[in-house]
Amino acid sequence: MKTNLTKTNLRRASVALLVSAGLLLLAAGTQGTDPGRGLERDTLVGGKLEGAWNVTVNVCNNGPTLTRLNTFIFGGTMQEFAAFVSPPLVVARGPGRGVWDHLTGGNYSYTVKFFVLNPNGTLAGWRIEMRKVVVDVSASSYTATGTSQLYDINGNPVGPPICATETATRL
């Protein structure tokens, strides 16, 4: 009887171990993708946004043209740095920080905020830019459209939102 009890316990333990391992593998297979942040994007049709990009921004209605670097970081954050504006702006600004999301396929969106300074270097307010991005299938370029809104230091909108388009190539 002692031998049967041991064999039964071993079978039960083996089955329990196999079931536990299967559940662990199933749970692990669902980890690492976060549809809200676009972490599954490598398996989809369309390019991926993550990485560094050389960007040209054209403000609508004959506005200035900006050259900037956008860096989209794994997990959904981004950094932006405008290096050249033509014609030069009289208002200084800081680098931008923001977030990005994967929508579907090669479609993404991002929002970036940067501070705007008075000529004496004090804070004048900030600007928030929102873009809809389409990455090409080769993941080597993207185009974007969107708006930009200036806010004063109290958070009140200054003027109407302005539109802009972007073209970008991977750095």
N, C-alpha and C. Protein backbone atom coordinates (compact mmCIF):
# COMPACT_ATOMS: atom_id res chain seq x y z
N MET A 1 0.81 -1.19 0.00
CA MET A 1 0.00 0.00 0.00
C MET A 1 0.86 1.26 0.00
N LYS A 2 1.96 1.22 0.72
CA LYS A 2 2.86 2.35 0.79
C LYS A 2 3.40 2.70 -0.59
N THR A 3 3.69 1.70 -1.44
CA THR A 3 4.20 1.93 -2.78
C THR A 3 3.15 2.59 -3.65
N ASN A 4 1.89 2.16 -3.61
CA ASN A 4 0.81 2.77 -4.38
C ASN A 4 0.61 4.22 -3.98
N LEU A 5 0.66 4.52 -2.71
CA LEU A 5 0.48 5.88 -2.22
C LEU A 5 1.59 6.76 -2.75
N THR A 6 2.80 6.31 -2.80
CA THR A 6 3.92 7.08 -3.30
C THR A 6 3.77 7.32 -4.80
N LYS A 7 3.39 6.30 -5.57
CA LYS A 7 3.20 6.46 -7.00
C LYS A 7 2.08 7.44 -7.30
N THR A 8 0.98 7.36 -6.54
CA THR A 8 -0.15 8.27 -6.72
C THR A 8 0.27 9.70 -6.41
N ASN A 9 1.01 9.88 -5.36
CA ASN A 9 1.48 11.22 -5.00
C ASN A 9 2.43 11.78 -6.06
N LEU A 10 3.29 10.93 -6.60
CA LEU A 10 4.20 11.38 -7.65
C LEU A 10 3.44 11.78 -8.90
N ARG A 11 2.43 11.00 -9.29
CA ARG A 11 1.63 11.36 -10.45
C ARG A 11 0.90 12.68 -10.24
N ARG A 12 0.32 12.84 -9.07
CA ARG A 12 -0.38 14.09 -8.76
C ARG A 12 0.59 15.28 -8.79
N ALA A 13 1.74 15.09 -8.22
CA ALA A 13 2.73 16.17 -8.20
C ALA A 13 3.20 16.50 -9.61
N SER A 14 3.38 15.46 -10.44
CA SER A 14 3.81 15.68 -11.83
C SER A 14 2.74 16.44 -12.60
N VAL A 15 1.48 16.04 -12.44
CA VAL A 15 0.38 16.73 -13.13
C VAL A 15 0.29 18.17 -12.65
N ALA A 16 0.38 18.37 -11.35
CA ALA A 16 0.31 19.73 -10.81
C ALA A 16 1.45 20.59 -11.33
N LEU A 17 2.64 20.00 -11.43
CA LEU A 17 3.80 20.73 -11.95
C LEU A 17 3.59 21.10 -13.42
N LEU A 18 3.10 20.17 -14.23
CA LEU A 18 2.85 20.44 -15.65
C LEU A 18 1.77 21.51 -15.82
N VAL A 19 0.70 21.43 -15.05
CA VAL A 19 -0.36 22.44 -15.14
C VAL A 19 0.19 23.80 -14.73
N SER A 20 0.96 23.84 -13.66
CA SER A 20 1.55 25.11 -13.20
C SER A 20 2.48 25.70 -14.26
N ALA A 21 3.31 24.85 -14.85
CA ALA A 21 4.23 25.33 -15.89
C ALA A 21 3.45 25.85 -17.09
N GLY A 22 2.40 25.16 -17.48
CA GLY A 22 1.57 25.61 -18.61
C GLY A 22 0.92 26.96 -18.32
N LEU A 23 0.39 27.11 -17.12
CA LEU A 23 -0.22 28.40 -16.75
C LEU A 23 0.82 29.51 -16.71
N LEU A 24 2.01 29.20 -16.25
CA LEU A 24 3.08 30.19 -16.21
C LEU A 24 3.46 30.63 -17.63
N LEU A 25 3.58 29.66 -18.55
CA LEU A 25 3.90 29.99 -19.94
C LEU A 25 2.78 30.80 -20.59
N LEU A 26 1.55 30.45 -20.29
CA LEU A 26 0.42 31.20 -20.84
C LEU A 26 0.43 32.63 -20.32
N ALA A 27 0.66 32.81 -19.04
CA ALA A 27 0.72 34.16 -18.47
C ALA A 27 1.90 34.93 -19.04
N ALA A 28 3.05 34.27 -19.20
CA ALA A 28 4.23 34.95 -19.74
C ALA A 28 4.00 35.37 -21.19
N GLY A 29 3.24 34.59 -21.93
CA GLY A 29 2.95 34.93 -23.32
C GLY A 29 2.09 36.17 -23.47
N THR A 30 1.34 36.52 -22.44
CA THR A 30 0.50 37.72 -22.50
C THR A 30 1.23 38.95 -21.99
N GLN A 31 2.41 38.76 -21.43
CA GLN A 31 3.16 39.90 -20.92
C GLN A 31 4.01 40.51 -22.02
N GLY A 32 4.44 41.76 -21.84
CA GLY A 32 5.34 42.38 -22.79
C GLY A 32 4.63 43.10 -23.93
N THR A 33 3.31 42.98 -23.99
CA THR A 33 2.58 43.77 -24.96
C THR A 33 1.62 44.64 -24.20
N ASP A 34 1.61 45.88 -24.51
CA ASP A 34 0.74 46.84 -23.85
C ASP A 34 0.06 47.65 -24.94
N PRO A 35 -1.13 47.23 -25.40
CA PRO A 35 -1.76 47.92 -26.52
C PRO A 35 -1.92 49.41 -26.30
N GLY A 36 -2.03 49.85 -25.06
CA GLY A 36 -2.16 51.28 -24.80
C GLY A 36 -0.89 52.06 -25.10
N ARG A 37 0.25 51.40 -25.15
CA ARG A 37 1.52 52.07 -25.40
C ARG A 37 2.16 51.60 -26.70
N GLY A 38 1.54 50.67 -27.40
CA GLY A 38 2.05 50.28 -28.70
C GLY A 38 3.27 49.38 -28.65
N LEU A 39 3.44 48.62 -27.58
CA LEU A 39 4.65 47.81 -27.46
C LEU A 39 4.63 46.58 -28.36
N GLU A 40 3.50 46.25 -28.95
CA GLU A 40 3.40 45.11 -29.84
C GLU A 40 3.67 45.48 -31.29
N ARG A 41 4.07 46.68 -31.57
CA ARG A 41 4.13 47.24 -32.91
C ARG A 41 5.06 46.51 -33.87
N ASP A 42 6.06 45.79 -33.39
CA ASP A 42 7.01 45.15 -34.30
C ASP A 42 6.37 44.06 -35.16
N THR A 43 5.24 43.51 -34.74
CA THR A 43 4.62 42.42 -35.48
C THR A 43 3.55 42.91 -36.43
N LEU A 44 3.33 44.20 -36.51
CA LEU A 44 2.24 44.74 -37.30
C LEU A 44 2.71 45.22 -38.66
N VAL A 45 1.76 45.40 -39.57
CA VAL A 45 2.05 45.99 -40.87
C VAL A 45 2.34 47.47 -40.63
N GLY A 46 3.31 48.02 -41.31
CA GLY A 46 3.68 49.42 -41.10
C GLY A 46 4.94 49.49 -40.27
N GLY A 47 5.60 50.62 -40.35
CA GLY A 47 6.86 50.78 -39.64
C GLY A 47 6.66 51.06 -38.18
N LYS A 48 7.74 50.98 -37.44
CA LYS A 48 7.67 51.31 -36.03
C LYS A 48 8.23 52.69 -35.79
N LEU A 49 7.72 53.37 -34.80
CA LEU A 49 8.08 54.76 -34.52
C LEU A 49 9.31 54.87 -33.61
N GLU A 50 9.51 53.92 -32.75
CA GLU A 50 10.59 53.99 -31.77
C GLU A 50 11.94 54.28 -32.43
N GLY A 51 12.69 55.22 -31.86
CA GLY A 51 14.01 55.58 -32.37
C GLY A 51 14.15 57.08 -32.54
N ALA A 52 15.25 57.49 -33.18
CA ALA A 52 15.56 58.91 -33.38
C ALA A 52 15.27 59.32 -34.82
N TRP A 53 14.74 60.52 -35.01
CA TRP A 53 14.30 61.01 -36.31
C TRP A 53 14.76 62.43 -36.57
N ASN A 54 15.20 62.70 -37.81
CA ASN A 54 15.43 64.07 -38.30
C ASN A 54 14.09 64.56 -38.83
N VAL A 55 13.60 65.67 -38.30
CA VAL A 55 12.24 66.13 -38.61
C VAL A 55 12.27 67.54 -39.17
N THR A 56 11.47 67.78 -40.20
CA THR A 56 11.22 69.13 -40.71
C THR A 56 9.76 69.44 -40.46
N VAL A 57 9.52 70.53 -39.74
CA VAL A 57 8.17 70.96 -39.41
C VAL A 57 7.84 72.20 -40.23
N ASN A 58 6.73 72.16 -40.92
CA ASN A 58 6.25 73.32 -41.67
C ASN A 58 4.96 73.80 -41.03
N VAL A 59 5.00 75.02 -40.48
CA VAL A 59 3.81 75.60 -39.89
C VAL A 59 2.93 76.11 -41.02
N CYS A 60 1.64 75.80 -40.94
CA CYS A 60 0.69 76.15 -42.00
C CYS A 60 0.63 77.66 -42.23
N ASN A 61 0.08 78.03 -43.38
CA ASN A 61 -0.11 79.44 -43.76
C ASN A 61 1.19 80.22 -43.81
N ASN A 62 2.19 79.62 -44.45
CA ASN A 62 3.49 80.26 -44.65
C ASN A 62 4.20 80.60 -43.34
N GLY A 63 4.00 79.77 -42.33
CA GLY A 63 4.68 79.96 -41.06
C GLY A 63 6.12 79.51 -41.15
N PRO A 64 6.83 79.55 -40.03
CA PRO A 64 8.25 79.16 -40.04
C PRO A 64 8.43 77.67 -40.30
N THR A 65 9.64 77.31 -40.72
CA THR A 65 10.04 75.92 -40.88
C THR A 65 11.06 75.61 -39.79
N LEU A 66 10.85 74.51 -39.08
CA LEU A 66 11.74 74.12 -38.00
C LEU A 66 12.43 72.82 -38.35
N THR A 67 13.67 72.70 -37.97
CA THR A 67 14.39 71.43 -38.04
C THR A 67 14.55 70.96 -36.61
N ARG A 68 14.19 69.72 -36.36
CA ARG A 68 14.26 69.21 -35.00
C ARG A 68 14.65 67.75 -34.99
N LEU A 69 15.00 67.29 -33.82
CA LEU A 69 15.23 65.86 -33.58
C LEU A 69 14.13 65.38 -32.65
N ASN A 70 13.44 64.33 -33.06
CA ASN A 70 12.46 63.67 -32.20
C ASN A 70 13.00 62.29 -31.86
N THR A 71 12.94 61.94 -30.59
CA THR A 71 13.35 60.62 -30.15
C THR A 71 12.18 59.97 -29.44
N PHE A 72 11.70 58.85 -30.00
CA PHE A 72 10.59 58.11 -29.43
C PHE A 72 11.16 56.91 -28.69
N ILE A 73 10.94 56.87 -27.39
CA ILE A 73 11.57 55.91 -26.51
C ILE A 73 10.61 54.75 -26.22
N PHE A 74 11.16 53.53 -26.19
CA PHE A 74 10.37 52.34 -25.87
C PHE A 74 9.59 52.59 -24.59
N GLY A 75 8.32 52.29 -24.61
CA GLY A 75 7.48 52.49 -23.44
C GLY A 75 6.55 53.68 -23.55
N GLY A 76 6.78 54.55 -24.56
CA GLY A 76 5.81 55.60 -24.80
C GLY A 76 6.18 57.02 -24.41
N THR A 77 7.45 57.29 -24.13
CA THR A 77 7.85 58.68 -23.88
C THR A 77 8.66 59.17 -25.07
N MET A 78 8.86 60.48 -25.13
CA MET A 78 9.62 61.06 -26.24
C MET A 78 10.35 62.31 -25.80
N GLN A 79 11.38 62.66 -26.56
CA GLN A 79 12.13 63.90 -26.38
C GLN A 79 12.20 64.60 -27.72
N GLU A 80 12.20 65.94 -27.67
CA GLU A 80 12.24 66.74 -28.89
C GLU A 80 13.21 67.88 -28.67
N PHE A 81 13.97 68.22 -29.72
CA PHE A 81 14.88 69.35 -29.64
C PHE A 81 14.88 70.06 -30.97
N ALA A 82 14.44 71.32 -30.98
CA ALA A 82 14.43 72.11 -32.22
C ALA A 82 15.78 72.80 -32.36
N ALA A 83 16.42 72.56 -33.49
CA ALA A 83 17.78 73.06 -33.69
C ALA A 83 17.84 74.30 -34.57
N PHE A 84 16.88 74.48 -35.47
CA PHE A 84 16.97 75.58 -36.41
C PHE A 84 15.56 76.02 -36.79
N VAL A 85 15.35 77.31 -36.82
CA VAL A 85 14.06 77.86 -37.22
C VAL A 85 14.30 78.90 -38.30
N SER A 86 13.54 78.82 -39.37
CA SER A 86 13.68 79.79 -40.45
C SER A 86 12.29 80.31 -40.83
N PRO A 87 12.03 81.60 -40.73
CA PRO A 87 12.93 82.64 -40.20
C PRO A 87 13.09 82.49 -38.69
N PRO A 88 14.19 83.03 -38.15
CA PRO A 88 14.43 82.90 -36.71
C PRO A 88 13.28 83.48 -35.89
N LEU A 89 12.93 82.78 -34.82
CA LEU A 89 11.88 83.27 -33.92
C LEU A 89 12.49 84.21 -32.89
N VAL A 90 11.71 85.21 -32.51
CA VAL A 90 12.21 86.14 -31.48
C VAL A 90 12.01 85.57 -30.09
N VAL A 91 11.22 84.54 -29.96
CA VAL A 91 10.93 83.93 -28.66
C VAL A 91 11.77 82.67 -28.51
N ALA A 92 12.55 82.61 -27.44
CA ALA A 92 13.35 81.41 -27.15
C ALA A 92 12.45 80.32 -26.59
N ARG A 93 12.88 79.09 -26.75
CA ARG A 93 12.12 77.97 -26.24
C ARG A 93 13.05 76.87 -25.75
N GLY A 94 12.52 76.02 -24.92
CA GLY A 94 13.30 74.92 -24.40
C GLY A 94 13.04 73.64 -25.17
N PRO A 95 13.73 72.56 -24.82
CA PRO A 95 13.48 71.26 -25.45
C PRO A 95 12.12 70.71 -25.01
N GLY A 96 11.56 69.82 -25.80
CA GLY A 96 10.25 69.26 -25.50
C GLY A 96 10.32 67.86 -24.91
N ARG A 97 9.33 67.56 -24.11
CA ARG A 97 9.15 66.22 -23.54
C ARG A 97 7.71 65.83 -23.78
N GLY A 98 7.47 64.54 -24.04
CA GLY A 98 6.10 64.13 -24.31
C GLY A 98 5.89 62.64 -24.25
N VAL A 99 4.73 62.25 -24.78
CA VAL A 99 4.32 60.85 -24.81
C VAL A 99 3.82 60.51 -26.20
N TRP A 100 3.90 59.22 -26.55
CA TRP A 100 3.41 58.75 -27.84
C TRP A 100 2.63 57.46 -27.65
N ASP A 101 1.72 57.20 -28.61
CA ASP A 101 0.88 56.01 -28.58
C ASP A 101 0.85 55.36 -29.95
N HIS A 102 0.75 54.05 -29.95
CA HIS A 102 0.52 53.33 -31.20
C HIS A 102 -0.99 53.25 -31.39
N LEU A 103 -1.47 53.57 -32.59
CA LEU A 103 -2.90 53.52 -32.88
C LEU A 103 -3.23 52.20 -33.59
N THR A 104 -2.85 52.07 -34.86
CA THR A 104 -3.02 50.83 -35.62
C THR A 104 -1.96 50.79 -36.70
N GLY A 105 -1.48 49.60 -37.05
CA GLY A 105 -0.50 49.47 -38.13
C GLY A 105 0.64 50.45 -37.97
N GLY A 106 0.89 51.27 -38.99
CA GLY A 106 1.95 52.27 -38.95
C GLY A 106 1.48 53.63 -38.47
N ASN A 107 0.33 53.68 -37.79
CA ASN A 107 -0.26 54.94 -37.32
C ASN A 107 -0.01 55.15 -35.83
N TYR A 108 0.46 56.35 -35.50
CA TYR A 108 0.81 56.71 -34.13
C TYR A 108 0.29 58.11 -33.85
N SER A 109 0.34 58.50 -32.58
CA SER A 109 0.08 59.89 -32.21
C SER A 109 1.09 60.27 -31.13
N TYR A 110 1.39 61.56 -31.08
CA TYR A 110 2.23 62.02 -29.97
C TYR A 110 1.82 63.41 -29.55
N THR A 111 2.11 63.70 -28.28
CA THR A 111 1.90 65.02 -27.69
C THR A 111 3.20 65.43 -27.03
N VAL A 112 3.66 66.64 -27.32
CA VAL A 112 4.91 67.14 -26.75
C VAL A 112 4.68 68.54 -26.19
N LYS A 113 5.36 68.83 -25.09
CA LYS A 113 5.25 70.14 -24.43
C LYS A 113 6.64 70.72 -24.28
N PHE A 114 6.77 72.02 -24.58
CA PHE A 114 8.03 72.71 -24.32
C PHE A 114 7.75 74.10 -23.78
N PHE A 115 8.69 74.62 -23.00
CA PHE A 115 8.53 75.94 -22.39
C PHE A 115 8.96 77.03 -23.35
N VAL A 116 8.27 78.15 -23.29
CA VAL A 116 8.56 79.32 -24.11
C VAL A 116 9.05 80.41 -23.16
N LEU A 117 10.14 81.09 -23.55
CA LEU A 117 10.77 82.08 -22.68
C LEU A 117 10.62 83.49 -23.23
N ASN A 118 10.56 84.45 -22.30
CA ASN A 118 10.60 85.86 -22.67
C ASN A 118 12.02 86.21 -23.11
N PRO A 119 12.20 87.35 -23.79
CA PRO A 119 13.56 87.75 -24.21
C PRO A 119 14.56 87.85 -23.05
N ASN A 120 14.06 88.15 -21.83
CA ASN A 120 14.96 88.24 -20.67
C ASN A 120 15.21 86.88 -20.02
N GLY A 121 14.67 85.79 -20.61
CA GLY A 121 14.92 84.45 -20.09
C GLY A 121 13.90 83.96 -19.09
N THR A 122 12.93 84.79 -18.71
CA THR A 122 11.90 84.34 -17.78
C THR A 122 10.83 83.54 -18.52
N LEU A 123 10.09 82.76 -17.77
CA LEU A 123 9.07 81.90 -18.36
C LEU A 123 7.90 82.72 -18.88
N ALA A 124 7.57 82.54 -20.15
CA ALA A 124 6.42 83.21 -20.75
C ALA A 124 5.21 82.28 -20.80
N GLY A 125 5.45 80.97 -20.83
CA GLY A 125 4.38 79.99 -20.91
C GLY A 125 4.90 78.71 -21.51
N TRP A 126 4.05 78.01 -22.22
CA TRP A 126 4.47 76.77 -22.87
C TRP A 126 3.63 76.53 -24.11
N ARG A 127 4.09 75.61 -24.92
CA ARG A 127 3.37 75.22 -26.13
C ARG A 127 3.18 73.70 -26.08
N ILE A 128 1.98 73.27 -26.46
CA ILE A 128 1.69 71.84 -26.55
C ILE A 128 1.37 71.53 -28.01
N GLU A 129 2.07 70.54 -28.56
CA GLU A 129 1.87 70.12 -29.94
C GLU A 129 1.31 68.70 -29.94
N MET A 130 0.33 68.46 -30.79
CA MET A 130 -0.27 67.14 -30.94
C MET A 130 -0.18 66.73 -32.41
N ARG A 131 0.29 65.52 -32.66
CA ARG A 131 0.48 65.06 -34.03
C ARG A 131 -0.11 63.66 -34.23
N LYS A 132 -0.59 63.43 -35.45
CA LYS A 132 -0.95 62.10 -35.94
C LYS A 132 0.14 61.72 -36.92
N VAL A 133 0.77 60.58 -36.72
CA VAL A 133 1.95 60.16 -37.48
C VAL A 133 1.65 58.91 -38.28
N VAL A 134 2.16 58.86 -39.52
CA VAL A 134 2.09 57.66 -40.34
C VAL A 134 3.52 57.28 -40.72
N VAL A 135 3.97 56.12 -40.23
CA VAL A 135 5.31 55.62 -40.53
C VAL A 135 5.19 54.73 -41.77
N ASP A 136 6.10 54.92 -42.73
CA ASP A 136 6.04 54.11 -43.95
C ASP A 136 6.39 52.65 -43.64
N VAL A 137 6.08 51.76 -44.56
CA VAL A 137 6.26 50.33 -44.36
C VAL A 137 7.72 49.97 -44.11
N SER A 138 8.65 50.71 -44.70
CA SER A 138 10.07 50.42 -44.50
C SER A 138 10.57 50.93 -43.15
N ALA A 139 9.75 51.70 -42.45
CA ALA A 139 10.11 52.30 -41.15
C ALA A 139 11.28 53.27 -41.25
N SER A 140 11.50 53.83 -42.45
CA SER A 140 12.62 54.76 -42.63
C SER A 140 12.17 56.21 -42.71
N SER A 141 10.86 56.47 -42.80
CA SER A 141 10.37 57.84 -42.84
C SER A 141 8.96 57.90 -42.28
N TYR A 142 8.56 59.12 -41.91
CA TYR A 142 7.17 59.32 -41.51
C TYR A 142 6.70 60.69 -41.93
N THR A 143 5.37 60.83 -41.99
CA THR A 143 4.72 62.11 -42.20
C THR A 143 3.76 62.32 -41.04
N ALA A 144 3.49 63.58 -40.72
CA ALA A 144 2.60 63.87 -39.60
C ALA A 144 1.83 65.15 -39.86
N THR A 145 0.66 65.24 -39.27
CA THR A 145 -0.14 66.46 -39.28
C THR A 145 -0.64 66.69 -37.87
N GLY A 146 -0.91 67.96 -37.56
CA GLY A 146 -1.42 68.22 -36.23
C GLY A 146 -1.54 69.70 -35.92
N THR A 147 -1.70 69.97 -34.63
CA THR A 147 -1.89 71.34 -34.17
C THR A 147 -0.91 71.66 -33.04
N SER A 148 -0.84 72.95 -32.76
CA SER A 148 0.03 73.46 -31.72
C SER A 148 -0.72 74.59 -31.02
N GLN A 149 -0.71 74.59 -29.69
CA GLN A 149 -1.39 75.64 -28.93
C GLN A 149 -0.42 76.27 -27.93
N LEU A 150 -0.35 77.60 -27.95
CA LEU A 150 0.46 78.36 -27.00
C LEU A 150 -0.37 78.67 -25.77
N TYR A 151 0.24 78.57 -24.57
CA TYR A 151 -0.42 78.88 -23.30
C TYR A 151 0.43 79.88 -22.53
N ASP A 152 -0.22 80.78 -21.78
CA ASP A 152 0.52 81.71 -20.92
C ASP A 152 0.91 80.99 -19.63
N ILE A 153 1.60 81.70 -18.73
CA ILE A 153 2.10 81.05 -17.51
C ILE A 153 0.98 80.62 -16.57
N ASN A 154 -0.24 81.11 -16.79
CA ASN A 154 -1.38 80.70 -15.99
C ASN A 154 -2.17 79.56 -16.63
N GLY A 155 -1.70 79.08 -17.78
CA GLY A 155 -2.37 77.97 -18.45
C GLY A 155 -3.51 78.37 -19.36
N ASN A 156 -3.63 79.67 -19.66
CA ASN A 156 -4.67 80.15 -20.57
C ASN A 156 -4.19 80.09 -22.01
N PRO A 157 -5.02 79.59 -22.94
CA PRO A 157 -4.62 79.58 -24.35
C PRO A 157 -4.36 81.00 -24.85
N VAL A 158 -3.32 81.14 -25.67
CA VAL A 158 -2.98 82.42 -26.28
C VAL A 158 -3.21 82.27 -27.78
N GLY A 159 -4.23 82.92 -28.30
CA GLY A 159 -4.55 82.81 -29.72
C GLY A 159 -5.13 81.46 -30.07
N PRO A 160 -5.46 81.29 -31.34
CA PRO A 160 -6.03 80.01 -31.78
C PRO A 160 -4.92 78.97 -31.98
N PRO A 161 -5.28 77.69 -32.00
CA PRO A 161 -4.29 76.67 -32.34
C PRO A 161 -3.80 76.89 -33.77
N ILE A 162 -2.56 76.50 -34.03
CA ILE A 162 -2.03 76.59 -35.38
C ILE A 162 -1.77 75.17 -35.90
N CYS A 163 -1.84 75.01 -37.21
CA CYS A 163 -1.62 73.69 -37.79
C CYS A 163 -0.19 73.56 -38.29
N ALA A 164 0.26 72.32 -38.43
CA ALA A 164 1.61 72.06 -38.92
C ALA A 164 1.66 70.68 -39.56
N THR A 165 2.61 70.51 -40.46
CA THR A 165 2.88 69.20 -41.04
C THR A 165 4.35 68.87 -40.78
N GLU A 166 4.66 67.59 -40.78
CA GLU A 166 6.04 67.14 -40.55
C GLU A 166 6.40 66.08 -41.59
N THR A 167 7.66 66.08 -41.95
CA THR A 167 8.27 64.97 -42.68
C THR A 167 9.52 64.58 -41.90
N ALA A 168 9.79 63.30 -41.84
CA ALA A 168 10.92 62.85 -41.03
C ALA A 168 11.61 61.66 -41.66
N THR A 169 12.91 61.56 -41.41
CA THR A 169 13.69 60.39 -41.79
C THR A 169 14.43 59.89 -40.56
N ARG A 170 14.64 58.61 -40.53
CA ARG A 170 15.32 58.01 -39.39
C ARG A 170 16.75 58.49 -39.32
N LEU A 171 17.20 58.79 -38.11
CA LEU A 171 18.57 59.26 -37.87
C LEU A 171 19.55 58.14 -38.07
